[in-house]
């Protein structure tokens, strides 16, 4: 590896972080705030990774961001023990629950990061032991991208398919105002202000500057990193880890065509975002890919499993002994004008009244308003051997124009281009729609007829849709008695094909409660750490609530940094998070 390598001995660091998503940047910011010299390496031209494309929600029990009346009443540890089953890792779960509130406090006291509560956001399985219906999910406060100055050009843009003409919307606030703009003066005013600001920013900056969701989180973290003297190198690909005296002591990097050798005095942190675009590992670990089926992912192009391969190269062990190797989500393929396609994650449309999903035989098979992971699990379980893992999301004309469907926007946006491209299928009657999507006509008509029998009274007699707090959260609160259920009766009828996708991977490098990478004997590899999706998820392959990827990613980044800086002496950290540690942990 040392052939043609240029050692940069004058640019050695205390900590080198590989990857620039939320986990990596949280590690870098915390370490720098504690006095360490930190370098972040990102192989792509943009920093932010897949986090910058995400909803930016964090699941952090005891986060301290909710008023007293919304404090969670459940037991987070009991809930995680129930949700993870035989994969429950007490030491890592306890570390997460203890450090999560401290991470939130630290970020808000010492950085640009500010969080807002996700009011009413229920745990995904609110009837499980220890669950609660609000208080555990938070998000980054919207941010003005102009605060990043020239670095704004290096921030990864949001996923275009989930924006409105390129405008970023906060799913829990802005989207609801758009739905109500023709009915509520307050919503109309909110939308008018958003559109006016968007038009101004596009004219002046050629890019929206009101950042929300994961884009806001990354912008806040990156701005904080720059404030603290952290260097973020983009287009800098780590080739290999450097090992000296049985310790990871740095990295070999390819940057601008030069191979560089960089030293890390205290450690190297892998935060490359998991392996959603690694064709070899997904074929090994995703059952539908192993059988030759297609898999879609909205992940950043660089999420190709580099961190896992680097860890394995020095003895780290990738574990996949959990229920699911990834966070499943139904995705649709949106054709573009170049004969290719983009991917659309179905995050909110499945919850709306007047929408149902059917299998390839025209039958319903699950609660459409359950979480994306649960819906994906149902698709996998329901598919027959050798059958394509897919389903059809369908609705009537009234629902399409009121809520949209997939990438199809609601009224007043036109639908013709989506019909012309074949993305959106239409039938004047249910039998015509059945023929258009290739399912048995009698089955589809019977399915809708059965659904409508209960839907007239706001009930789903087959799957209990809309009965849980989580189901209702993303429904239409103005539609009563059930915000998720309405009859499908007003033709024409429409459908979109959904295939299996992911929102990130769960399998990953085996780590301990300090994020130290473990070898096959479960002993720490000195100087090597992994956070975020490069590490085995503490959720055991399940998806208990909104933000269970980013919450642990930032928390274990925080833990990793304080371990590198203080060797776990919390007293050294106290000035950065305030003195009320016991009270904070008890929330």
Protein backbone atom coordinates (compact mmCIF):
# COMPACT_ATOMS: atom_id res chain seq x y z
CA UNK A 1 0.00 0.00 0.00
CA UNK A 2 2.95 2.34 0.51
CA UNK A 3 3.90 2.37 -3.19
CA UNK A 4 3.51 5.92 -4.51
CA UNK A 5 1.98 7.07 -1.22
CA UNK A 6 2.72 10.59 -0.05
CA UNK A 7 2.84 10.74 3.78
CA UNK A 8 1.42 13.97 5.16
CA UNK A 9 3.14 13.89 8.52
CA UNK A 10 2.39 17.57 9.05
CA UNK A 11 -1.33 16.81 8.75
CA UNK A 12 -1.76 14.10 11.31
CA UNK A 13 -4.95 14.16 13.36
CA UNK A 14 -6.30 12.91 16.64
CA UNK A 15 -9.39 11.45 14.98
CA UNK A 16 -10.18 10.62 11.35
CA UNK A 17 -13.84 10.06 10.50
CA UNK A 18 -14.65 8.20 7.27
CA UNK A 19 -18.05 9.42 6.05
CA UNK A 20 -20.00 12.64 6.48
CA UNK A 21 -23.55 11.66 7.41
CA UNK A 22 -25.14 12.42 10.78
CA UNK A 23 -23.19 9.74 12.66
CA UNK A 24 -19.84 10.80 11.28
CA UNK A 25 -20.43 14.53 11.73
CA UNK A 26 -21.80 14.06 15.27
CA UNK A 27 -18.58 12.21 16.12
CA UNK A 28 -16.45 14.91 14.54
CA UNK A 29 -18.27 17.83 16.17
CA UNK A 30 -18.20 16.27 19.64
CA UNK A 31 -14.54 15.32 19.41
CA UNK A 32 -13.56 18.78 18.18
CA UNK A 33 -15.56 20.47 20.94
CA UNK A 34 -13.54 18.39 23.41
CA UNK A 35 -10.27 19.67 22.00
CA UNK A 36 -9.31 17.01 19.47
CA UNK A 37 -8.03 17.68 15.96
CA UNK A 38 -10.47 16.04 13.56
CA UNK A 39 -10.60 15.27 9.85
CA UNK A 40 -13.71 14.03 8.01
CA UNK A 41 -13.17 12.17 4.73
CA UNK A 42 -15.99 11.93 2.19
CA UNK A 43 -15.45 10.18 -1.14
CA UNK A 44 -18.25 12.04 -2.96
CA UNK A 45 -18.25 15.69 -4.09
CA UNK A 46 -20.91 16.48 -1.48
CA UNK A 47 -20.94 16.01 2.28
CA UNK A 48 -24.03 14.75 4.09
CA UNK A 49 -24.43 11.22 2.77
CA UNK A 50 -27.88 9.69 2.79
CA UNK A 51 -28.78 11.72 5.91
CA UNK A 52 -29.01 14.82 3.70
CA UNK A 53 -31.72 13.03 1.69
CA UNK A 54 -33.62 11.74 4.71
CA UNK A 55 -36.46 13.01 6.85
CA UNK A 56 -33.91 14.00 9.48
CA UNK A 57 -35.91 12.52 12.40
CA UNK A 58 -34.16 11.18 15.51
CA UNK A 59 -35.66 8.72 17.99
CA UNK A 60 -34.19 9.73 21.37
CA UNK A 61 -36.12 8.75 24.52
CA UNK A 62 -35.87 11.39 27.23
CA UNK A 63 -34.80 14.03 24.74
CA UNK A 64 -36.15 16.90 26.85
CA UNK A 65 -37.75 18.72 23.89
CA UNK A 66 -41.40 18.09 24.74
CA UNK A 67 -43.60 20.01 27.19
CA UNK A 68 -44.66 18.27 30.36
CA UNK A 69 -48.00 17.20 28.92
CA UNK A 70 -46.30 15.35 26.07
CA UNK A 71 -43.57 13.58 28.02
CA UNK A 72 -43.54 9.90 27.04
CA UNK A 73 -45.25 7.63 29.54
CA UNK A 74 -43.78 4.34 28.32
CA UNK A 75 -40.62 2.53 29.33
CA UNK A 76 -38.13 2.87 26.47
CA UNK A 77 -35.90 0.02 27.67
CA UNK A 78 -38.86 -2.35 27.98
CA UNK A 79 -40.04 -1.28 24.55
CA UNK A 80 -36.66 -1.96 22.94
CA UNK A 81 -36.39 -5.29 24.72
CA UNK A 82 -39.77 -6.26 23.28
CA UNK A 83 -38.96 -4.96 19.80
CA UNK A 84 -35.51 -6.52 19.48
CA UNK A 85 -36.40 -9.92 20.94
CA UNK A 86 -33.46 -12.32 21.04
CA UNK A 87 -31.19 -9.63 19.55
CA UNK A 88 -31.53 -7.37 22.60
CA UNK A 89 -28.07 -6.04 23.54
CA UNK A 90 -28.42 -4.67 27.06
CA UNK A 91 -25.05 -2.93 27.20
CA UNK A 92 -25.57 -1.02 23.93
CA UNK A 93 -29.23 -0.23 24.60
CA UNK A 94 -28.39 1.10 28.05
CA UNK A 95 -25.55 3.18 26.62
CA UNK A 96 -27.92 4.64 24.02
CA UNK A 97 -30.67 5.45 26.50
CA UNK A 98 -28.21 7.05 28.91
CA UNK A 99 -26.27 9.09 26.36
CA UNK A 100 -29.12 10.11 24.01
CA UNK A 101 -30.44 12.98 26.15
CA UNK A 102 -26.87 14.10 26.85
CA UNK A 103 -26.16 14.19 23.13
CA UNK A 104 -29.20 16.41 22.56
CA UNK A 105 -28.14 18.73 25.39
CA UNK A 106 -24.55 18.85 24.16
CA UNK A 107 -25.52 19.71 20.59
CA UNK A 108 -27.86 22.51 21.62
CA UNK A 109 -25.39 24.00 24.10
CA UNK A 110 -22.27 23.88 21.94
CA UNK A 111 -23.21 23.79 18.26
CA UNK A 112 -25.57 25.20 15.64
CA UNK A 113 -27.78 22.13 15.95
CA UNK A 114 -31.27 22.84 17.22
CA UNK A 115 -34.03 20.28 17.56
CA UNK A 116 -37.79 20.60 17.43
CA UNK A 117 -40.30 18.09 18.81
CA UNK A 118 -42.26 15.91 16.39
CA UNK A 119 -45.61 16.43 18.10
CA UNK A 120 -47.94 13.47 17.97
CA UNK A 121 -45.37 11.15 16.36
CA UNK A 122 -46.16 7.77 17.89
CA UNK A 123 -43.86 4.81 18.27
CA UNK A 124 -44.55 2.49 15.36
CA UNK A 125 -45.97 -0.28 17.57
CA UNK A 126 -47.86 1.71 20.21
CA UNK A 127 -49.59 -1.31 21.74
CA UNK A 128 -46.29 -3.06 22.56
CA UNK A 129 -44.95 -3.07 26.14
CA UNK A 130 -43.21 0.20 26.97
CA UNK A 131 -44.38 2.04 23.84
CA UNK A 132 -45.75 5.57 23.84
CA UNK A 133 -47.68 7.74 21.43
CA UNK A 134 -45.54 10.89 21.54
CA UNK A 135 -42.34 12.34 22.93
CA UNK A 136 -39.50 10.27 21.53
CA UNK A 137 -39.01 11.62 18.00
CA UNK A 138 -37.37 14.97 17.29
CA UNK A 139 -36.11 16.66 14.14
CA UNK A 140 -33.69 19.36 13.15
CA UNK A 141 -35.10 22.87 13.18
CA UNK A 142 -35.24 24.36 9.65
CA UNK A 143 -32.07 26.20 8.72
CA UNK A 144 -31.06 29.04 6.43
CA UNK A 145 -28.50 27.61 4.01
CA UNK A 146 -26.93 31.04 3.59
CA UNK A 147 -25.39 30.50 7.02
CA UNK A 148 -23.05 27.95 5.41
CA UNK A 149 -21.60 30.55 3.07
CA UNK A 150 -19.48 29.07 0.30
CA UNK A 151 -19.75 25.61 1.86
CA UNK A 152 -23.39 25.48 0.81
CA UNK A 153 -22.20 24.34 -2.62
CA UNK A 154 -20.84 21.14 -1.04
CA UNK A 155 -24.02 20.23 0.84
CA UNK A 156 -25.73 17.23 -0.76
CA UNK A 157 -29.09 18.32 -2.21
CA UNK A 158 -32.27 16.65 -0.95
CA UNK A 159 -33.84 13.77 -2.82
CA UNK A 160 -35.60 15.57 -5.67
CA UNK A 161 -38.49 13.10 -5.83
CA UNK A 162 -39.76 14.05 -2.36
CA UNK A 163 -39.51 17.80 -2.90
CA UNK A 164 -42.16 20.02 -4.45
CA UNK A 165 -40.53 21.49 -7.56
CA UNK A 166 -37.26 21.34 -5.64
CA UNK A 167 -38.70 22.97 -2.51
CA UNK A 168 -38.02 21.13 0.74
CA UNK A 169 -41.10 20.60 2.91
CA UNK A 170 -41.28 19.57 6.53
CA UNK A 171 -43.43 16.43 6.37
CA UNK A 172 -45.07 16.98 9.76
CA UNK A 173 -45.91 20.67 9.20
CA UNK A 174 -45.58 22.08 5.67
CA UNK A 175 -47.23 19.17 3.85
CA UNK A 176 -50.36 19.48 5.98
CA UNK A 177 -50.60 23.17 5.12
CA UNK A 178 -50.40 22.35 1.40
CA UNK A 179 -53.23 19.83 1.77
CA UNK A 180 -55.36 22.45 3.55
CA UNK A 181 -54.39 25.51 1.49
CA UNK A 182 -57.79 25.79 -0.21
CA UNK A 183 -59.73 25.33 3.03
CA UNK A 184 -57.80 27.23 5.69
CA UNK A 185 -56.71 30.89 5.53
CA UNK A 186 -53.82 30.10 7.90
CA UNK A 187 -52.62 27.27 5.66
CA UNK A 188 -53.05 29.43 2.56
CA UNK A 189 -50.90 32.14 4.13
CA UNK A 190 -48.27 29.59 5.19
CA UNK A 191 -48.09 28.18 1.66
CA UNK A 192 -47.95 31.66 0.12
CA UNK A 193 -44.96 32.55 2.29
CA UNK A 194 -43.18 29.31 1.41
CA UNK A 195 -43.72 29.77 -2.32
CA UNK A 196 -42.66 33.43 -2.23
CA UNK A 197 -39.46 32.62 -0.41
CA UNK A 198 -38.76 29.72 -2.74
CA UNK A 199 -39.21 31.91 -5.84
CA UNK A 200 -36.89 34.57 -4.42
CA UNK A 201 -34.18 32.08 -3.48
CA UNK A 202 -34.27 30.32 -6.84
CA UNK A 203 -33.92 33.68 -8.59
CA UNK A 204 -31.02 34.80 -6.42
CA UNK A 205 -29.20 31.58 -5.44
CA UNK A 206 -30.46 29.00 -8.00
CA UNK A 207 -31.13 26.71 -5.05
CA UNK A 208 -33.60 26.75 -2.13
CA UNK A 209 -32.00 28.15 1.02
CA UNK A 210 -34.74 27.15 3.44
CA UNK A 211 -33.42 23.79 4.52
CA UNK A 212 -35.57 21.24 6.33
CA UNK A 213 -35.43 17.59 7.38
CA UNK A 214 -32.10 15.80 6.87
CA UNK A 215 -30.72 18.66 4.80
CA UNK A 216 -31.15 21.01 7.77
CA UNK A 217 -29.59 18.50 10.15
CA UNK A 218 -26.49 18.07 7.99
CA UNK A 219 -26.16 21.81 7.37
CA UNK A 220 -26.29 22.48 11.10
CA UNK A 221 -23.78 19.73 11.88
CA UNK A 222 -21.41 20.75 9.09
CA UNK A 223 -21.59 24.42 10.06
CA UNK A 224 -20.76 23.41 13.63
CA UNK A 225 -17.85 21.32 12.41
CA UNK A 226 -16.41 24.26 10.48
CA UNK A 227 -16.89 26.49 13.54
CA UNK A 228 -14.80 24.04 15.58
CA UNK A 229 -11.99 23.75 13.06
CA UNK A 230 -12.93 20.35 11.64
CA UNK A 231 -11.69 19.79 8.10
CA UNK A 232 -14.12 18.07 5.72
CA UNK A 233 -12.40 16.72 2.63
CA UNK A 234 -14.72 15.76 -0.21
CA UNK A 235 -13.67 13.58 -3.15
CA UNK A 236 -11.30 11.82 -0.78
CA UNK A 237 -11.70 8.05 -0.91
CA UNK A 238 -10.20 5.85 1.79
CA UNK A 239 -8.29 2.99 0.15
CA UNK A 240 -7.20 1.11 3.25
CA UNK A 241 -6.67 1.37 6.97
CA UNK A 242 -3.20 1.90 8.36
CA UNK A 243 -2.12 -0.54 11.07
CA UNK A 244 0.91 -0.19 13.35
CA UNK A 245 1.80 -2.22 16.47
CA UNK A 246 -1.54 -4.04 16.32
CA UNK A 247 -3.44 -0.75 16.33
CA UNK A 248 -5.30 1.18 13.63
CA UNK A 249 -3.25 4.34 13.34
CA UNK A 250 -4.56 6.07 10.24
CA UNK A 251 -5.76 5.70 6.68
CA UNK A 252 -4.54 5.63 3.10
CA UNK A 253 -6.52 8.05 0.94
CA UNK A 254 -6.90 8.73 -2.76
CA UNK A 255 -7.46 12.46 -3.22
CA UNK A 256 -7.21 14.31 -6.50
CA UNK A 257 -5.24 11.44 -7.99
CA UNK A 258 -2.71 11.37 -5.17
CA UNK A 259 -2.39 8.55 -2.67
CA UNK A 260 -1.91 10.02 0.79
CA UNK A 261 -1.02 8.49 4.13
CA UNK A 262 -2.72 10.16 7.10
CA UNK A 263 -2.17 9.42 10.77
CA UNK A 264 -4.82 9.28 13.50
CA UNK A 265 -3.32 9.41 16.97
CA UNK A 266 -6.44 8.27 18.84
CA UNK A 267 -8.57 6.44 16.32
CA UNK A 268 -10.38 6.03 13.01
CA UNK A 269 -14.19 6.09 12.94
CA UNK A 270 -16.06 4.32 10.13
CA UNK A 271 -19.30 6.13 9.26
CA UNK A 272 -19.83 5.32 5.59
CA UNK A 273 -23.57 4.71 5.70
CA UNK A 274 -23.86 0.93 5.45
CA UNK A 275 -24.25 -1.08 2.23
CA UNK A 276 -27.57 -0.35 0.44
CA UNK A 277 -25.81 -0.01 -2.94
CA UNK A 278 -23.30 -2.83 -2.47
CA UNK A 279 -24.46 -5.35 -5.10
CA UNK A 280 -22.45 -8.21 -3.62
CA UNK A 281 -23.55 -7.85 -0.02
CA UNK A 282 -27.19 -7.09 -0.82
CA UNK A 283 -27.33 -10.27 -2.88
CA UNK A 284 -25.98 -12.16 0.13
CA UNK A 285 -28.30 -10.60 2.72
CA UNK A 286 -31.50 -9.42 0.97
CA UNK A 287 -33.71 -12.46 0.27
CA UNK A 288 -35.45 -10.99 -2.78
CA UNK A 289 -32.14 -9.91 -4.34
CA UNK A 290 -30.72 -13.38 -3.74
CA UNK A 291 -33.63 -14.72 -5.82
CA UNK A 292 -32.89 -12.31 -8.65
CA UNK A 293 -35.51 -9.68 -7.86
CA UNK A 294 -34.92 -5.96 -8.18
CA UNK A 295 -34.13 -3.74 -5.19
CA UNK A 296 -34.48 0.05 -5.10
CA UNK A 297 -32.79 2.49 -2.76
CA UNK A 298 -32.78 6.28 -2.38
CA UNK A 299 -29.34 6.11 -0.74
CA UNK A 300 -26.57 8.47 -1.76
CA UNK A 301 -24.46 6.99 -4.59
CA UNK A 302 -21.49 6.51 -2.26
CA UNK A 303 -23.28 4.09 0.08
CA UNK A 304 -21.57 1.04 -1.39
CA UNK A 305 -20.37 -0.72 1.74
CA UNK A 306 -16.88 0.80 2.04
CA UNK A 307 -16.96 0.94 5.83
CA UNK A 308 -17.86 -2.72 6.21
CA UNK A 309 -15.11 -3.78 3.80
CA UNK A 310 -12.54 -1.61 5.58
CA UNK A 311 -13.53 -3.09 8.93
CA UNK A 312 -13.36 -6.65 7.61
CA UNK A 313 -9.92 -6.00 6.11
CA UNK A 314 -8.42 -5.65 9.59
CA UNK A 315 -10.37 -8.42 11.31
CA UNK A 316 -13.76 -6.84 12.00
CA UNK A 317 -16.82 -9.06 11.77
CA UNK A 318 -20.02 -8.13 9.94
CA UNK A 319 -23.07 -9.51 11.73
CA UNK A 320 -26.39 -10.22 10.07
CA UNK A 321 -27.94 -12.47 12.74
CA UNK A 322 -30.98 -10.21 13.12
CA UNK A 323 -34.53 -10.43 11.83
CA UNK A 324 -33.99 -8.17 8.79
CA UNK A 325 -30.78 -6.90 7.20
CA UNK A 326 -32.29 -3.55 6.22
CA UNK A 327 -35.11 -1.11 6.87
CA UNK A 328 -37.60 -2.06 4.18
CA UNK A 329 -39.82 0.41 2.35
CA UNK A 330 -41.99 0.20 -0.77
CA UNK A 331 -40.52 2.22 -3.63
CA UNK A 332 -41.73 3.10 -7.10
CA UNK A 333 -39.71 3.77 -10.26
CA UNK A 334 -40.32 7.21 -11.74
CA UNK A 335 -39.30 7.31 -15.44
CA UNK A 336 -37.29 10.32 -16.55
CA UNK A 337 -36.87 11.90 -19.96
CA UNK A 338 -33.55 10.13 -20.56
CA UNK A 339 -35.05 6.66 -20.58
CA UNK A 340 -33.86 5.93 -17.05
CA UNK A 341 -35.72 6.16 -13.76
CA UNK A 342 -35.57 7.73 -10.34
CA UNK A 343 -36.87 6.19 -7.13
CA UNK A 344 -39.71 7.40 -4.95
CA UNK A 345 -40.11 6.20 -1.33
CA UNK A 346 -43.76 5.77 -0.32
CA UNK A 347 -43.62 7.47 3.05
CA UNK A 348 -46.98 9.21 3.46
CA UNK A 349 -49.41 8.30 0.68
CA UNK A 350 -50.28 4.83 2.00
CA UNK A 351 -51.87 6.35 5.11
CA UNK A 352 -54.45 8.49 3.34
CA UNK A 353 -58.17 7.68 3.11
CA UNK A 354 -59.33 6.31 -0.23
CA UNK A 355 -56.04 4.46 -0.82
CA UNK A 356 -55.40 0.71 -0.57
CA UNK A 357 -52.73 -1.71 -1.75
CA UNK A 358 -53.16 -5.06 -3.44
CA UNK A 359 -50.86 -7.92 -4.38
CA UNK A 360 -50.28 -9.27 -7.88
CA UNK A 361 -53.52 -11.23 -7.60
CA UNK A 362 -55.57 -8.14 -6.75
CA UNK A 363 -56.00 -8.94 -3.04
CA UNK A 364 -55.19 -6.84 0.02
CA UNK A 365 -52.59 -8.47 2.24
CA UNK A 366 -51.71 -6.06 5.07
CA UNK A 367 -52.49 -2.80 6.83
CA UNK A 368 -51.37 -0.13 4.37
CA UNK A 369 -50.96 2.43 7.18
CA UNK A 370 -48.42 0.41 9.14
CA UNK A 371 -44.81 1.56 9.03
CA UNK A 372 -42.82 1.30 5.81
CA UNK A 373 -40.69 -1.46 7.37
CA UNK A 374 -43.73 -3.47 8.42
CA UNK A 375 -45.27 -3.01 4.99
CA UNK A 376 -42.03 -4.18 3.36
CA UNK A 377 -41.91 -7.19 5.64
CA UNK A 378 -45.47 -8.03 4.61
CA UNK A 379 -44.53 -7.78 0.93
CA UNK A 380 -41.63 -10.18 1.46
CA UNK A 381 -43.66 -12.62 3.52
CA UNK A 382 -46.62 -12.57 1.15
CA UNK A 383 -44.68 -13.09 -2.08
CA UNK A 384 -44.54 -16.61 -3.44
CA UNK A 385 -41.26 -18.29 -4.35
CA UNK A 386 -40.02 -16.96 -7.65
CA UNK A 387 -42.65 -14.22 -7.72
CA UNK A 388 -41.68 -10.59 -8.07
CA UNK A 389 -41.80 -8.84 -4.68
CA UNK A 390 -44.15 -5.99 -5.49
CA UNK A 391 -47.63 -4.61 -4.95
CA UNK A 392 -49.99 -2.02 -6.40
CA UNK A 393 -51.05 1.12 -4.57
CA UNK A 394 -54.42 2.29 -5.87
CA UNK A 395 -57.00 4.97 -5.23
CA UNK A 396 -59.99 6.71 -6.77
CA UNK A 397 -60.03 10.06 -8.53
CA UNK A 398 -61.14 12.05 -5.49
CA UNK A 399 -58.24 10.78 -3.39
CA UNK A 400 -55.70 11.23 -6.16
CA UNK A 401 -56.55 14.88 -6.65
CA UNK A 402 -56.78 15.59 -2.93
CA UNK A 403 -53.66 13.78 -1.67
CA UNK A 404 -51.64 12.72 -4.69
CA UNK A 405 -50.20 9.22 -5.02
CA UNK A 406 -46.51 8.41 -5.04
CA UNK A 407 -44.69 10.95 -7.21
CA UNK A 408 -48.03 12.22 -8.56
CA UNK A 409 -48.87 15.53 -6.91
CA UNK A 410 -52.40 16.56 -5.87
CA UNK A 411 -54.53 19.19 -7.58
CA UNK A 412 -53.74 21.63 -9.17
CA UNK A 413 -50.68 19.81 -10.51
CA UNK A 414 -51.32 17.94 -13.79
CA UNK A 415 -51.13 14.16 -14.01
CA UNK A 416 -50.74 13.74 -17.78
CA UNK A 417 -46.97 13.27 -17.81
CA UNK A 418 -47.23 10.48 -15.24
CA UNK A 419 -49.91 8.76 -17.33
CA UNK A 420 -47.90 9.17 -20.52
CA UNK A 421 -44.76 7.70 -18.95
CA UNK A 422 -46.66 4.68 -17.63
CA UNK A 423 -45.82 5.49 -14.02
CA UNK A 424 -49.48 6.07 -13.21
CA UNK A 425 -52.02 3.52 -14.47
CA UNK A 426 -55.67 4.48 -15.01
CA UNK A 427 -58.95 2.72 -15.61
CA UNK A 428 -62.39 4.26 -16.00
CA UNK A 429 -63.71 1.31 -14.02
CA UNK A 430 -62.11 -1.13 -11.60
CA UNK A 431 -62.18 -3.84 -14.26
CA UNK A 432 -60.33 -1.56 -16.69
CA UNK A 433 -57.76 -0.74 -14.00
CA UNK A 434 -57.33 -4.45 -13.28
CA UNK A 435 -56.55 -5.08 -16.94
CA UNK A 436 -54.13 -2.14 -16.99
CA UNK A 437 -52.12 -3.51 -14.07
CA UNK A 438 -52.47 -7.18 -14.94
CA UNK A 439 -54.46 -8.50 -11.98
CA UNK A 440 -57.65 -10.62 -12.10
CA UNK A 441 -60.66 -8.34 -12.61
CA UNK A 442 -62.99 -10.32 -10.36
CA UNK A 443 -60.45 -10.34 -7.54
CA UNK A 444 -59.88 -6.58 -7.63
CA UNK A 445 -63.57 -5.80 -7.78
CA UNK A 446 -64.25 -8.15 -4.85
CA UNK A 447 -61.36 -6.65 -2.87
CA UNK A 448 -62.65 -3.10 -3.24
CA UNK A 449 -66.23 -4.17 -2.55
CA UNK A 450 -65.17 -5.89 0.70
CA UNK A 451 -63.08 -2.90 1.76
CA UNK A 452 -65.88 -0.45 1.01
CA UNK A 453 -68.36 -2.34 3.18
CA UNK A 454 -66.46 -1.31 6.29
CA UNK A 455 -65.06 1.92 4.90
CA UNK A 456 -68.55 3.42 4.66
CA UNK A 457 -68.45 3.55 8.46
CA UNK A 458 -64.74 4.39 8.67
CA UNK A 459 -63.67 0.84 9.51
CA UNK A 460 -61.19 -1.62 8.03
CA UNK A 461 -62.74 -4.96 8.90
CA UNK A 462 -59.80 -6.97 7.55
CA UNK A 463 -56.67 -5.30 8.97
CA UNK A 464 -57.80 -2.67 11.48
CA UNK A 465 -56.32 0.22 9.57
CA UNK A 466 -56.46 3.53 11.40
CA UNK A 467 -56.92 1.99 14.83
CA UNK A 468 -53.41 2.74 16.12
CA UNK A 469 -52.00 6.15 17.00
CA UNK A 470 -49.21 5.65 14.50
CA UNK A 471 -51.62 4.81 11.67
CA UNK A 472 -53.59 7.98 12.37
CA UNK A 473 -50.55 10.27 12.59
CA UNK A 474 -50.02 10.38 8.83
CA UNK A 475 -53.67 10.07 7.85
CA UNK A 476 -55.93 13.03 7.17
CA UNK A 477 -57.09 14.42 10.55
CA UNK A 478 -59.88 16.32 8.79
CA UNK A 479 -61.39 13.07 7.55
CA UNK A 480 -63.58 11.45 10.17
CA UNK A 481 -64.32 9.08 11.78
CA UNK A 482 -61.13 7.37 10.57
CA UNK A 483 -58.33 9.52 9.09
CA UNK A 484 -56.99 6.52 7.15
CA UNK A 485 -60.14 4.96 5.71
CA UNK A 486 -62.62 6.06 3.05
CA UNK A 487 -64.51 4.13 0.36
CA UNK A 488 -62.96 3.78 -3.08
CA UNK A 489 -65.85 4.63 -5.37
CA UNK A 490 -65.32 7.66 -7.62
CA UNK A 491 -63.78 6.68 -10.95
CA UNK A 492 -61.54 6.89 -12.79
CA UNK A 493 -59.27 4.70 -10.69
CA UNK A 494 -55.47 4.82 -10.53
CA UNK A 495 -52.56 2.62 -9.47
CA UNK A 496 -48.79 2.74 -9.05
CA UNK A 497 -46.51 -0.26 -8.83
CA UNK A 498 -44.35 -0.50 -5.71
CA UNK A 499 -41.25 -2.66 -5.38
CA UNK A 500 -39.00 -3.49 -2.46
CA UNK A 501 -36.54 -0.85 -1.30
CA UNK A 502 -34.70 0.25 1.80
CA UNK A 503 -34.14 3.29 3.99
CA UNK A 504 -30.78 2.03 5.20
CA UNK A 505 -29.16 -1.18 6.32
CA UNK A 506 -29.30 -2.87 9.74
CA UNK A 507 -26.60 -5.54 9.38
CA UNK A 508 -23.16 -4.16 10.13
CA UNK A 509 -19.87 -4.41 11.94
CA UNK A 510 -20.02 -5.90 15.42
CA UNK A 511 -19.30 -3.16 17.97
CA UNK A 512 -19.45 -2.70 21.73
CA UNK A 513 -21.14 0.03 23.76
CA UNK A 514 -18.26 2.42 22.97
CA UNK A 515 -18.60 1.74 19.22
CA UNK A 516 -15.27 -0.10 19.16
CA UNK A 517 -15.16 -2.57 16.27
CA UNK A 518 -14.88 -6.16 17.50
CA UNK A 519 -13.04 -9.06 15.91
CA UNK A 520 -14.30 -12.63 15.54
CA UNK A 521 -13.45 -13.27 19.21
CA UNK A 522 -15.45 -10.15 20.14
CA UNK A 523 -12.34 -8.32 21.26
CA UNK A 524 -11.91 -4.61 20.36
CA UNK A 525 -9.65 -3.76 17.44
CA UNK A 526 -7.55 -0.99 18.94
CA UNK A 527 -8.10 2.38 17.34
CA UNK A 528 -11.09 1.39 15.17
CA UNK A 529 -14.70 2.48 15.71
CA UNK A 530 -17.92 2.28 13.68
CA UNK A 531 -21.10 4.35 14.01
CA UNK A 532 -24.34 4.77 12.11
CA UNK A 533 -25.23 2.11 9.57
CA UNK A 534 -21.66 0.78 9.45
CA UNK A 535 -22.37 -0.71 12.88
CA UNK A 536 -24.86 -3.49 13.64
CA UNK A 537 -28.16 -1.82 14.53
CA UNK A 538 -29.23 -2.01 18.16
CA UNK A 539 -32.80 -2.45 16.90
CA UNK A 540 -32.31 -6.12 16.04
CA UNK A 541 -33.64 -5.78 12.51
CA UNK A 542 -36.88 -4.15 13.65
CA UNK A 543 -38.10 -0.56 13.20
CA UNK A 544 -39.67 0.59 16.49
CA UNK A 545 -40.15 4.29 15.75
CA UNK A 546 -39.46 7.30 13.58
CA UNK A 547 -35.75 8.14 13.71
CA UNK A 548 -34.31 4.86 15.01
CA UNK A 549 -31.45 5.18 12.53
CA UNK A 550 -30.34 8.78 13.12
CA UNK A 551 -31.02 8.83 16.87
CA UNK A 552 -28.56 6.01 17.61
CA UNK A 553 -26.17 7.21 14.88
CA UNK A 554 -25.69 10.60 16.49
CA UNK A 555 -25.77 9.20 20.01
CA UNK A 556 -23.08 6.59 19.37
CA UNK A 557 -21.07 9.22 17.49
CA UNK A 558 -21.27 11.31 20.66
CA UNK A 559 -20.28 8.30 22.80
CA UNK A 560 -17.38 7.46 20.49
CA UNK A 561 -16.02 11.00 20.60
CA UNK A 562 -16.17 11.31 24.36
CA UNK A 563 -14.50 7.90 24.69
CA UNK A 564 -11.69 9.00 22.40
CA UNK A 565 -11.30 12.30 24.23
CA UNK A 566 -11.83 11.37 27.87
CA UNK A 567 -11.73 7.59 28.19
CA UNK A 568 -15.27 7.80 29.57
CA UNK A 569 -14.65 10.30 32.35
CA UNK A 570 -18.04 12.03 32.20
CA UNK A 571 -16.82 14.74 34.58
CA UNK A 572 -14.66 16.13 31.78
CA UNK A 573 -17.74 16.39 29.59
CA UNK A 574 -19.93 18.06 32.23
CA UNK A 575 -19.09 21.68 31.30
CA UNK A 576 -20.28 20.97 27.73
CA UNK A 577 -23.70 19.57 28.69
CA UNK A 578 -24.45 21.13 32.04
CA UNK A 579 -24.41 19.65 35.54
CA UNK A 580 -27.83 17.97 35.71
CA UNK A 581 -26.74 14.65 34.28
CA UNK A 582 -28.76 12.49 36.66
CA UNK A 583 -31.94 14.46 36.07
CA UNK A 584 -31.34 14.42 32.33
CA UNK A 585 -30.86 10.65 32.25
CA UNK A 586 -33.99 10.08 34.31
CA UNK A 587 -36.35 11.74 31.83
